[in-house]
Amino acid sequence: MLTRLRITGMSCQRCVQAVFTALTPVPGIRSAEVTIGAAVIEHDGQATVAALREAIAVSGYEVSLADEERRRLPIL
């Protein structure tokens, strides 16, 4: 699965690092790309939006928008 998050309050690379570090203990995350104001997280479905919101809140930021997309296999 792929989850895209919009994150408010981020304004620098230190913010990016804080969010990335906060996501580390969330089970099921395969990869995370964090930029100022956003994150794209690839996971196995175990990492819920609620768990991601909570982890990011611990770092002092708030998720303002979340969009989940299930990965689809290509049609041959």
N, C-alpha and C. Protein backbone atom coordinates (compact mmCIF):
# COMPACT_ATOMS: atom_id res chain seq x y z
N MET A 1 0.83 -1.18 0.00
CA MET A 1 0.00 0.00 0.00
C MET A 1 0.88 1.24 0.00
N LEU A 2 0.30 2.30 -0.48
CA LEU A 2 0.97 3.59 -0.51
C LEU A 2 0.08 4.60 0.20
N THR A 3 0.62 5.32 1.16
CA THR A 3 -0.13 6.35 1.86
C THR A 3 0.59 7.68 1.67
N ARG A 4 -0.15 8.67 1.20
CA ARG A 4 0.39 10.02 1.02
C ARG A 4 -0.20 10.90 2.12
N LEU A 5 0.69 11.65 2.79
CA LEU A 5 0.25 12.51 3.88
C LEU A 5 0.67 13.95 3.61
N ARG A 6 -0.20 14.88 3.95
CA ARG A 6 0.16 16.30 3.97
C ARG A 6 0.34 16.64 5.44
N ILE A 7 1.47 17.25 5.76
CA ILE A 7 1.84 17.50 7.15
C ILE A 7 2.01 19.01 7.37
N THR A 8 1.31 19.56 8.35
CA THR A 8 1.40 20.99 8.63
C THR A 8 2.47 21.28 9.69
N GLY A 9 3.06 22.45 9.57
CA GLY A 9 4.02 22.91 10.56
C GLY A 9 5.47 22.64 10.21
N MET A 10 5.74 21.93 9.14
CA MET A 10 7.12 21.63 8.76
C MET A 10 7.68 22.78 7.93
N SER A 11 8.92 23.19 8.23
CA SER A 11 9.50 24.31 7.49
C SER A 11 10.99 24.16 7.18
N CYS A 12 11.60 23.04 7.60
CA CYS A 12 13.04 22.90 7.38
C CYS A 12 13.45 21.43 7.34
N GLN A 13 14.72 21.19 7.04
CA GLN A 13 15.24 19.83 6.98
C GLN A 13 15.24 19.15 8.36
N ARG A 14 15.37 19.93 9.40
CA ARG A 14 15.30 19.36 10.75
C ARG A 14 13.91 18.78 10.99
N CYS A 15 12.88 19.45 10.49
CA CYS A 15 11.51 18.96 10.59
C CYS A 15 11.36 17.63 9.84
N VAL A 16 11.94 17.58 8.64
CA VAL A 16 11.90 16.36 7.83
C VAL A 16 12.52 15.21 8.59
N GLN A 17 13.69 15.44 9.18
CA GLN A 17 14.38 14.39 9.93
C GLN A 17 13.57 13.96 11.15
N ALA A 18 12.93 14.90 11.83
CA ALA A 18 12.12 14.56 13.01
C ALA A 18 10.94 13.67 12.62
N VAL A 19 10.27 13.98 11.52
CA VAL A 19 9.14 13.16 11.07
C VAL A 19 9.63 11.79 10.63
N PHE A 20 10.71 11.75 9.86
CA PHE A 20 11.26 10.47 9.40
C PHE A 20 11.61 9.58 10.59
N THR A 21 12.25 10.14 11.58
CA THR A 21 12.64 9.39 12.78
C THR A 21 11.41 8.91 13.54
N ALA A 22 10.37 9.73 13.61
CA ALA A 22 9.14 9.36 14.31
C ALA A 22 8.43 8.20 13.63
N LEU A 23 8.57 8.09 12.30
CA LEU A 23 7.92 7.01 11.56
C LEU A 23 8.65 5.68 11.70
N THR A 24 9.91 5.71 12.08
CA THR A 24 10.73 4.50 12.15
C THR A 24 10.11 3.35 12.95
N PRO A 25 9.54 3.56 14.12
CA PRO A 25 9.01 2.43 14.89
C PRO A 25 7.64 1.91 14.44
N VAL A 26 6.99 2.57 13.49
CA VAL A 26 5.66 2.13 13.05
C VAL A 26 5.81 0.82 12.29
N PRO A 27 5.15 -0.25 12.75
CA PRO A 27 5.29 -1.55 12.10
C PRO A 27 4.70 -1.56 10.69
N GLY A 28 5.37 -2.28 9.79
CA GLY A 28 4.86 -2.49 8.45
C GLY A 28 5.38 -1.53 7.40
N ILE A 29 6.11 -0.48 7.80
CA ILE A 29 6.62 0.49 6.82
C ILE A 29 7.79 -0.13 6.06
N ARG A 30 7.70 -0.11 4.74
CA ARG A 30 8.79 -0.60 3.88
C ARG A 30 9.72 0.53 3.49
N SER A 31 9.14 1.70 3.20
CA SER A 31 9.96 2.87 2.87
C SER A 31 9.14 4.13 3.14
N ALA A 32 9.87 5.21 3.38
CA ALA A 32 9.21 6.50 3.63
C ALA A 32 10.03 7.59 2.97
N GLU A 33 9.35 8.42 2.19
CA GLU A 33 9.98 9.59 1.59
C GLU A 33 9.33 10.81 2.23
N VAL A 34 10.10 11.53 3.02
CA VAL A 34 9.58 12.68 3.75
C VAL A 34 10.21 13.95 3.17
N THR A 35 9.36 14.90 2.83
CA THR A 35 9.80 16.21 2.36
C THR A 35 9.10 17.26 3.20
N ILE A 36 9.46 18.51 3.03
CA ILE A 36 8.82 19.57 3.80
C ILE A 36 7.34 19.60 3.46
N GLY A 37 6.50 19.32 4.46
CA GLY A 37 5.06 19.37 4.29
C GLY A 37 4.39 18.11 3.78
N ALA A 38 5.16 17.05 3.53
CA ALA A 38 4.53 15.85 2.98
C ALA A 38 5.35 14.60 3.28
N ALA A 39 4.67 13.46 3.15
CA ALA A 39 5.34 12.16 3.27
C ALA A 39 4.62 11.16 2.38
N VAL A 40 5.39 10.29 1.75
CA VAL A 40 4.84 9.19 0.97
C VAL A 40 5.41 7.92 1.61
N ILE A 41 4.51 7.08 2.08
CA ILE A 41 4.91 5.90 2.84
C ILE A 41 4.43 4.65 2.13
N GLU A 42 5.35 3.74 1.86
CA GLU A 42 5.00 2.44 1.30
C GLU A 42 5.01 1.44 2.46
N HIS A 43 3.92 0.69 2.58
CA HIS A 43 3.81 -0.24 3.70
C HIS A 43 3.00 -1.46 3.31
N ASP A 44 2.98 -2.44 4.19
CA ASP A 44 2.30 -3.70 3.91
C ASP A 44 0.83 -3.72 4.33
N GLY A 45 0.29 -2.58 4.72
CA GLY A 45 -1.10 -2.48 5.16
C GLY A 45 -1.24 -2.49 6.66
N GLN A 46 -0.17 -2.83 7.35
CA GLN A 46 -0.19 -2.87 8.81
C GLN A 46 -0.11 -1.46 9.40
N ALA A 47 0.53 -0.54 8.69
CA ALA A 47 0.67 0.84 9.17
C ALA A 47 -0.60 1.62 8.81
N THR A 48 -1.47 1.81 9.76
CA THR A 48 -2.73 2.51 9.51
C THR A 48 -2.51 4.01 9.50
N VAL A 49 -3.45 4.74 8.93
CA VAL A 49 -3.38 6.20 8.94
C VAL A 49 -3.35 6.70 10.38
N ALA A 50 -4.13 6.07 11.25
CA ALA A 50 -4.15 6.47 12.67
C ALA A 50 -2.77 6.31 13.30
N ALA A 51 -2.09 5.20 13.01
CA ALA A 51 -0.76 4.97 13.57
C ALA A 51 0.25 5.98 13.02
N LEU A 52 0.13 6.30 11.74
CA LEU A 52 1.02 7.28 11.13
C LEU A 52 0.78 8.67 11.71
N ARG A 53 -0.50 9.03 11.87
CA ARG A 53 -0.85 10.33 12.48
C ARG A 53 -0.27 10.45 13.89
N GLU A 54 -0.42 9.37 14.66
CA GLU A 54 0.06 9.38 16.05
C GLU A 54 1.58 9.53 16.10
N ALA A 55 2.28 8.81 15.24
CA ALA A 55 3.74 8.89 15.22
C ALA A 55 4.20 10.30 14.85
N ILE A 56 3.54 10.88 13.87
CA ILE A 56 3.91 12.23 13.44
C ILE A 56 3.56 13.26 14.51
N ALA A 57 2.47 13.06 15.22
CA ALA A 57 2.08 13.96 16.32
C ALA A 57 3.15 13.96 17.41
N VAL A 58 3.76 12.82 17.66
CA VAL A 58 4.83 12.72 18.66
C VAL A 58 5.99 13.64 18.29
N SER A 59 6.24 13.80 16.98
CA SER A 59 7.34 14.66 16.55
C SER A 59 6.95 16.14 16.55
N GLY A 60 5.68 16.43 16.86
CA GLY A 60 5.25 17.83 16.99
C GLY A 60 4.54 18.39 15.77
N TYR A 61 4.15 17.53 14.83
CA TYR A 61 3.50 18.00 13.61
C TYR A 61 2.14 17.32 13.46
N GLU A 62 1.34 17.82 12.54
CA GLU A 62 -0.03 17.31 12.39
C GLU A 62 -0.30 16.93 10.93
N VAL A 63 -0.94 15.78 10.76
CA VAL A 63 -1.34 15.34 9.42
C VAL A 63 -2.65 16.04 9.09
N SER A 64 -2.65 16.80 8.00
CA SER A 64 -3.86 17.52 7.62
C SER A 64 -4.65 16.80 6.54
N LEU A 65 -4.00 15.90 5.82
CA LEU A 65 -4.67 15.17 4.75
C LEU A 65 -3.97 13.83 4.56
N ALA A 66 -4.74 12.76 4.40
CA ALA A 66 -4.18 11.43 4.18
C ALA A 66 -4.91 10.77 3.02
N ASP A 67 -4.15 10.14 2.14
CA ASP A 67 -4.72 9.45 0.99
C ASP A 67 -4.05 8.09 0.88
N GLU A 68 -4.86 7.03 0.90
CA GLU A 68 -4.33 5.67 0.79
C GLU A 68 -4.60 5.11 -0.60
N GLU A 69 -3.62 4.39 -1.10
CA GLU A 69 -3.75 3.77 -2.42
C GLU A 69 -3.22 2.35 -2.33
N ARG A 70 -4.07 1.41 -2.68
CA ARG A 70 -3.62 0.02 -2.72
C ARG A 70 -2.83 -0.20 -4.00
N ARG A 71 -1.73 -0.89 -3.87
CA ARG A 71 -0.91 -1.22 -5.04
C ARG A 71 -1.66 -2.24 -5.89
N ARG A 72 -1.61 -2.08 -7.18
CA ARG A 72 -2.26 -3.01 -8.09
C ARG A 72 -1.22 -3.70 -8.94
N LEU A 73 -1.48 -4.95 -9.25
CA LEU A 73 -0.58 -5.68 -10.13
C LEU A 73 -0.86 -5.23 -11.57
N PRO A 74 0.18 -5.14 -12.38
CA PRO A 74 -0.02 -4.74 -13.76
C PRO A 74 -0.79 -5.80 -14.54
N ILE A 75 -1.61 -5.35 -15.45
CA ILE A 75 -2.36 -6.28 -16.30
C ILE A 75 -1.50 -6.63 -17.49
N LEU A 76 -1.32 -7.90 -17.71
CA LEU A 76 -0.46 -8.35 -18.83
C LEU A 76 -1.24 -8.54 -20.08
